[in-house]
C-alpha atoms as a PDB file:
ATOM      1  CA  MET A   1      16.575 137.324 126.586  1.00  0.00           C
ATOM      2  CA  ILE A   2      18.885 140.242 125.928  1.00  0.00           C
ATOM      3  CA  PHE A   3      17.636 140.800 122.374  1.00  0.00           C
ATOM      4  CA  ASN A   4      14.434 142.483 123.551  1.00  0.00           C
ATOM      5  CA  LYS A   5      16.539 145.468 124.663  1.00  0.00           C
ATOM      6  CA  PHE A   6      17.815 146.185 121.172  1.00  0.00           C
ATOM      7  CA  LYS A   7      16.506 147.707 117.993  1.00  0.00           C
ATOM      8  CA  PHE A   8      18.204 146.916 114.700  1.00  0.00           C
ATOM      9  CA  ASN A   9      18.961 150.581 114.030  1.00  0.00           C
ATOM     10  CA  ASP A  10      21.026 150.908 117.213  1.00  0.00           C
ATOM     11  CA  SER A  11      24.662 150.952 116.140  1.00  0.00           C
ATOM     12  CA  PHE A  12      25.656 148.509 118.882  1.00  0.00           C
ATOM     13  CA  THR A  13      22.903 145.984 118.283  1.00  0.00           C
ATOM     14  CA  ILE A  14      24.583 143.372 116.126  1.00  0.00           C
ATOM     15  CA  GLU A  15      27.879 143.651 117.999  1.00  0.00           C
ATOM     16  CA  ALA A  16      26.162 143.199 121.364  1.00  0.00           C
ATOM     17  CA  ILE A  17      24.188 140.226 120.112  1.00  0.00           C
ATOM     18  CA  MET A  18      27.186 138.585 118.463  1.00  0.00           C
ATOM     19  CA  ASN A  19      29.132 138.970 121.718  1.00  0.00           C
ATOM     20  CA  SER A  20      26.349 137.420 123.798  1.00  0.00           C
ATOM     21  CA  GLN A  21      26.315 133.827 124.986  1.00  0.00           C
ATOM     22  CA  LEU A  22      24.890 132.433 121.730  1.00  0.00           C
ATOM     23  CA  LYS A  23      27.071 130.257 119.540  1.00  0.00           C
ATOM     24  CA  GLU A  24      28.565 131.820 116.434  1.00  0.00           C
ATOM     25  CA  PHE A  25      28.810 129.809 113.239  1.00  0.00           C
ATOM     26  CA  THR A  26      31.477 130.916 110.765  1.00  0.00           C
ATOM     27  CA  TYR A  27      31.719 130.168 107.048  1.00  0.00           C
ATOM     28  CA  GLU A  28      34.105 131.464 104.384  1.00  0.00           C
ATOM     29  CA  ILE A  29      32.928 132.102 100.812  1.00  0.00           C
ATOM     30  CA  PRO A  30      35.107 133.230  97.880  1.00  0.00           C
ATOM     31  CA  VAL A  31      33.736 135.985  95.663  1.00  0.00           C
ATOM     32  CA  LEU A  32      33.491 134.874  92.039  1.00  0.00           C
ATOM     33  CA  TRP A  33      33.892 137.283  89.135  1.00  0.00           C
ATOM     34  CA  SER A  34      30.480 136.178  87.843  1.00  0.00           C
ATOM     35  CA  GLN A  35      28.888 137.443  91.093  1.00  0.00           C
ATOM     36  CA  CYS A  36      30.088 141.005  90.500  1.00  0.00           C
ATOM     37  CA  ASP A  37      28.710 143.975  88.598  1.00  0.00           C
ATOM     38  CA  PRO A  38      30.733 145.653  85.788  1.00  0.00           C
ATOM     39  CA  ASN A  39      32.599 147.734  88.400  1.00  0.00           C
ATOM     40  CA  GLY A  40      33.900 144.619  90.151  1.00  0.00           C
ATOM     41  CA  HIS A  41      31.601 145.033  93.179  1.00  0.00           C
ATOM     42  CA  LEU A  42      29.729 142.053  94.590  1.00  0.00           C
ATOM     43  CA  ASN A  43      26.176 142.432  93.278  1.00  0.00           C
ATOM     44  CA  VAL A  44      23.798 143.335  96.127  1.00  0.00           C
ATOM     45  CA  GLY A  45      21.668 140.263  95.375  1.00  0.00           C
ATOM     46  CA  ASN A  46      24.701 138.098  96.058  1.00  0.00           C
ATOM     47  CA  PHE A  47      25.058 139.598  99.528  1.00  0.00           C
ATOM     48  CA  GLN A  48      21.724 137.874 100.202  1.00  0.00           C
ATOM     49  CA  VAL A  49      22.947 134.634  98.609  1.00  0.00           C
ATOM     50  CA  PHE A  50      25.950 134.668 100.966  1.00  0.00           C
ATOM     51  CA  LEU A  51      23.643 135.256 103.956  1.00  0.00           C
ATOM     52  CA  HIS A  52      21.430 132.330 102.849  1.00  0.00           C
ATOM     53  CA  GLU A  53      24.468 130.063 102.530  1.00  0.00           C
ATOM     54  CA  GLY A  54      25.644 131.125 105.983  1.00  0.00           C
ATOM     55  CA  ARG A  55      22.281 130.178 107.492  1.00  0.00           C
ATOM     56  CA  MET A  56      22.291 126.759 105.826  1.00  0.00           C
ATOM     57  CA  VAL A  57      25.883 126.042 106.886  1.00  0.00           C
ATOM     58  CA  ALA A  58      25.032 127.091 110.462  1.00  0.00           C
ATOM     59  CA  LEU A  59      22.061 124.688 110.519  1.00  0.00           C
ATOM     60  CA  GLU A  60      24.324 121.930 109.175  1.00  0.00           C
ATOM     61  CA  GLU A  61      26.980 122.628 111.830  1.00  0.00           C
ATOM     62  CA  ALA A  62      24.261 122.622 114.493  1.00  0.00           C
ATOM     63  CA  GLY A  63      23.397 119.064 113.467  1.00  0.00           C
ATOM     64  CA  PHE A  64      20.389 119.828 111.272  1.00  0.00           C
ATOM     65  CA  SER A  65      21.629 118.899 107.812  1.00  0.00           C
ATOM     66  CA  TYR A  66      19.888 119.414 104.493  1.00  0.00           C
ATOM     67  CA  GLU A  67      19.445 115.621 104.288  1.00  0.00           C
ATOM     68  CA  LYS A  68      17.722 115.589 107.686  1.00  0.00           C
ATOM     69  CA  MET A  69      15.463 118.456 106.615  1.00  0.00           C
ATOM     70  CA  ARG A  70      14.492 116.527 103.478  1.00  0.00           C
ATOM     71  CA  GLU A  71      13.825 113.346 105.494  1.00  0.00           C
ATOM     72  CA  GLU A  72      11.517 115.251 107.847  1.00  0.00           C
ATOM     73  CA  ASN A  73      10.056 117.436 105.062  1.00  0.00           C
ATOM     74  CA  ILE A  74      11.151 120.553 106.973  1.00  0.00           C
ATOM     75  CA  GLY A  75      12.728 123.677 105.527  1.00  0.00           C
ATOM     76  CA  PRO A  76      13.793 127.180 106.563  1.00  0.00           C
ATOM     77  CA  MET A  77      11.667 130.195 105.630  1.00  0.00           C
ATOM     78  CA  ILE A  78      12.565 133.850 105.953  1.00  0.00           C
ATOM     79  CA  LEU A  79       9.571 135.873 107.140  1.00  0.00           C
ATOM     80  CA  ARG A  80      11.335 139.222 107.272  1.00  0.00           C
ATOM     81  CA  SER A  81      14.891 140.404 106.758  1.00  0.00           C
ATOM     82  CA  GLU A  82      16.630 143.720 107.341  1.00  0.00           C
ATOM     83  CA  THR A  83      20.115 144.293 105.961  1.00  0.00           C
ATOM     84  CA  ASP A  84      22.442 147.236 106.526  1.00  0.00           C
ATOM     85  CA  TYR A  85      25.105 147.522 103.806  1.00  0.00           C
ATOM     86  CA  LYS A  86      28.259 149.113 105.225  1.00  0.00           C
ATOM     87  CA  ALA A  87      31.132 148.523 102.796  1.00  0.00           C
ATOM     88  CA  GLU A  88      31.755 147.222  99.311  1.00  0.00           C
ATOM     89  CA  ILE A  89      33.024 143.762  98.562  1.00  0.00           C
ATOM     90  CA  ARG A  90      35.158 143.481  95.429  1.00  0.00           C
ATOM     91  CA  TYR A  91      36.623 140.710  93.356  1.00  0.00           C
ATOM     92  CA  PRO A  92      38.900 138.966  94.232  1.00  0.00           C
ATOM     93  CA  GLU A  93      37.961 138.666  97.886  1.00  0.00           C
ATOM     94  CA  ALA A  94      36.841 136.091 100.406  1.00  0.00           C
ATOM     95  CA  VAL A  95      33.961 136.804 102.760  1.00  0.00           C
ATOM     96  CA  ILE A  96      33.485 135.473 106.272  1.00  0.00           C
ATOM     97  CA  VAL A  97      29.821 134.905 107.167  1.00  0.00           C
ATOM     98  CA  ILE A  98      29.118 134.930 110.911  1.00  0.00           C
ATOM     99  CA  THR A  99      25.701 133.622 111.973  1.00  0.00           C
ATOM    100  CA  SER A 100      24.005 133.463 115.396  1.00  0.00           C
ATOM    101  CA  PHE A 101      20.490 132.334 116.267  1.00  0.00           C
ATOM    102  CA  GLY A 102      18.514 134.140 118.983  1.00  0.00           C
ATOM    103  CA  GLU A 103      15.077 134.968 120.347  1.00  0.00           C
ATOM    104  CA  LEU A 104      13.994 131.372 119.853  1.00  0.00           C
ATOM    105  CA  LYS A 105      10.301 131.125 120.682  1.00  0.00           C
ATOM    106  CA  GLY A 106       8.373 128.044 119.592  1.00  0.00           C
ATOM    107  CA  SER A 107       8.824 127.871 115.839  1.00  0.00           C
ATOM    108  CA  ARG A 108      10.309 131.370 115.380  1.00  0.00           C
ATOM    109  CA  CYS A 109      13.787 132.748 115.752  1.00  0.00           C
ATOM    110  CA  LYS A 110      15.900 135.707 114.772  1.00  0.00           C
ATOM    111  CA  ILE A 111      19.089 135.131 112.856  1.00  0.00           C
ATOM    112  CA  PHE A 112      21.862 137.705 113.293  1.00  0.00           C
ATOM    113  CA  GLN A 113      24.539 137.789 110.614  1.00  0.00           C
ATOM    114  CA  LYS A 114      27.581 139.707 109.438  1.00  0.00           C
ATOM    115  CA  LEU A 115      29.514 139.562 106.190  1.00  0.00           C
ATOM    116  CA  ILE A 116      33.153 140.443 106.841  1.00  0.00           C
ATOM    117  CA  ARG A 117      35.848 141.061 104.237  1.00  0.00           C
ATOM    118  CA  LYS A 118      38.618 138.584 104.958  1.00  0.00           C
ATOM    119  CA  SER A 119      41.345 140.865 103.572  1.00  0.00           C
ATOM    120  CA  ASP A 120      40.901 143.616 106.168  1.00  0.00           C
ATOM    121  CA  GLY A 121      38.275 142.393 108.658  1.00  0.00           C
ATOM    122  CA  LYS A 122      35.873 145.206 107.727  1.00  0.00           C
ATOM    123  CA  ILE A 123      32.165 144.535 108.232  1.00  0.00           C
ATOM    124  CA  ALA A 124      30.518 144.743 104.802  1.00  0.00           C
ATOM    125  CA  CYS A 125      26.957 144.171 105.997  1.00  0.00           C
ATOM    126  CA  GLU A 126      24.860 143.228 109.008  1.00  0.00           C
ATOM    127  CA  SER A 127      21.524 141.470 108.801  1.00  0.00           C
ATOM    128  CA  VAL A 128      18.697 140.441 111.114  1.00  0.00           C
ATOM    129  CA  SER A 129      16.122 137.958 109.814  1.00  0.00           C
ATOM    130  CA  ASP A 130      12.918 136.597 111.349  1.00  0.00           C
ATOM    131  CA  CYS A 131      12.746 132.930 110.413  1.00  0.00           C
ATOM    132  CA  ILE A 132      10.850 129.711 110.936  1.00  0.00           C
ATOM    133  CA  LEU A 133      11.431 126.106 110.079  1.00  0.00           C
ATOM    134  CA  PHE A 134       8.363 124.988 108.133  1.00  0.00           C
ATOM    135  CA  ASP A 135       6.795 121.516 108.118  1.00  0.00           C
ATOM    136  CA  PHE A 136       5.737 121.063 104.500  1.00  0.00           C
ATOM    137  CA  SER A 137       3.703 117.918 105.298  1.00  0.00           C
ATOM    138  CA  LYS A 138       1.532 119.638 107.892  1.00  0.00           C
ATOM    139  CA  LYS A 139       1.710 123.074 106.235  1.00  0.00           C
ATOM    140  CA  ARG A 140       2.637 124.539 109.617  1.00  0.00           C
ATOM    141  CA  PRO A 141       5.647 126.024 111.375  1.00  0.00           C
ATOM    142  CA  TRP A 142       7.844 123.416 113.043  1.00  0.00           C
ATOM    143  CA  LYS A 143       8.918 123.838 116.664  1.00  0.00           C
ATOM    144  CA  TYR A 144      12.673 123.782 117.232  1.00  0.00           C
ATOM    145  CA  PRO A 145      13.703 120.636 119.145  1.00  0.00           C
ATOM    146  CA  ASP A 146      15.755 121.003 122.323  1.00  0.00           C
ATOM    147  CA  SER A 147      18.786 119.434 120.607  1.00  0.00           C
ATOM    148  CA  LEU A 148      18.854 122.272 118.068  1.00  0.00           C
ATOM    149  CA  LEU A 149      18.364 124.920 120.771  1.00  0.00           C
ATOM    150  CA  VAL A 150      21.360 123.481 122.635  1.00  0.00           C
ATOM    151  CA  ALA A 151      23.425 123.514 119.423  1.00  0.00           C
ATOM    152  CA  PHE A 152      22.511 127.202 118.890  1.00  0.00           C
ATOM    153  CA  GLY A 153      23.697 127.982 122.437  1.00  0.00           C
ATOM    154  CA  ALA A 154      20.176 128.958 123.511  1.00  0.00           C
ATOM    155  CA  LYS A 155      19.857 126.297 126.251  1.00  0.00           C
END
């Protein structure tokens, strides 16, 4: 796949990946005052919360709901995550989370994400995460089914 050509530190990496053939999932989140520091900036920990929510919404939109995960005793796990913070997010603001899944191999995948300020379209952060879906019954990684790969745009 095209992702093997890129390194996260390349300035074009996320843009090239997001513009590839993989499906993009989009989710809008309002910034709450309680999520900000005393200066009115979104607390850096909440950037990660927004990224987590974006991943869960993307799985839901791909047909793999939280209810289905609970039924099958499967859940997402982040093995590694790298985030590049580019611009502040302030209150009041809405954030667009864009999520794409790539480099799907067996039970592993990379998740490429952006947080974008809705007010001006500026990219506030970019993130690449190595993830698995984990089978809690078997205590093993769970292989992505073809139906989910199709929903991600990988097949």
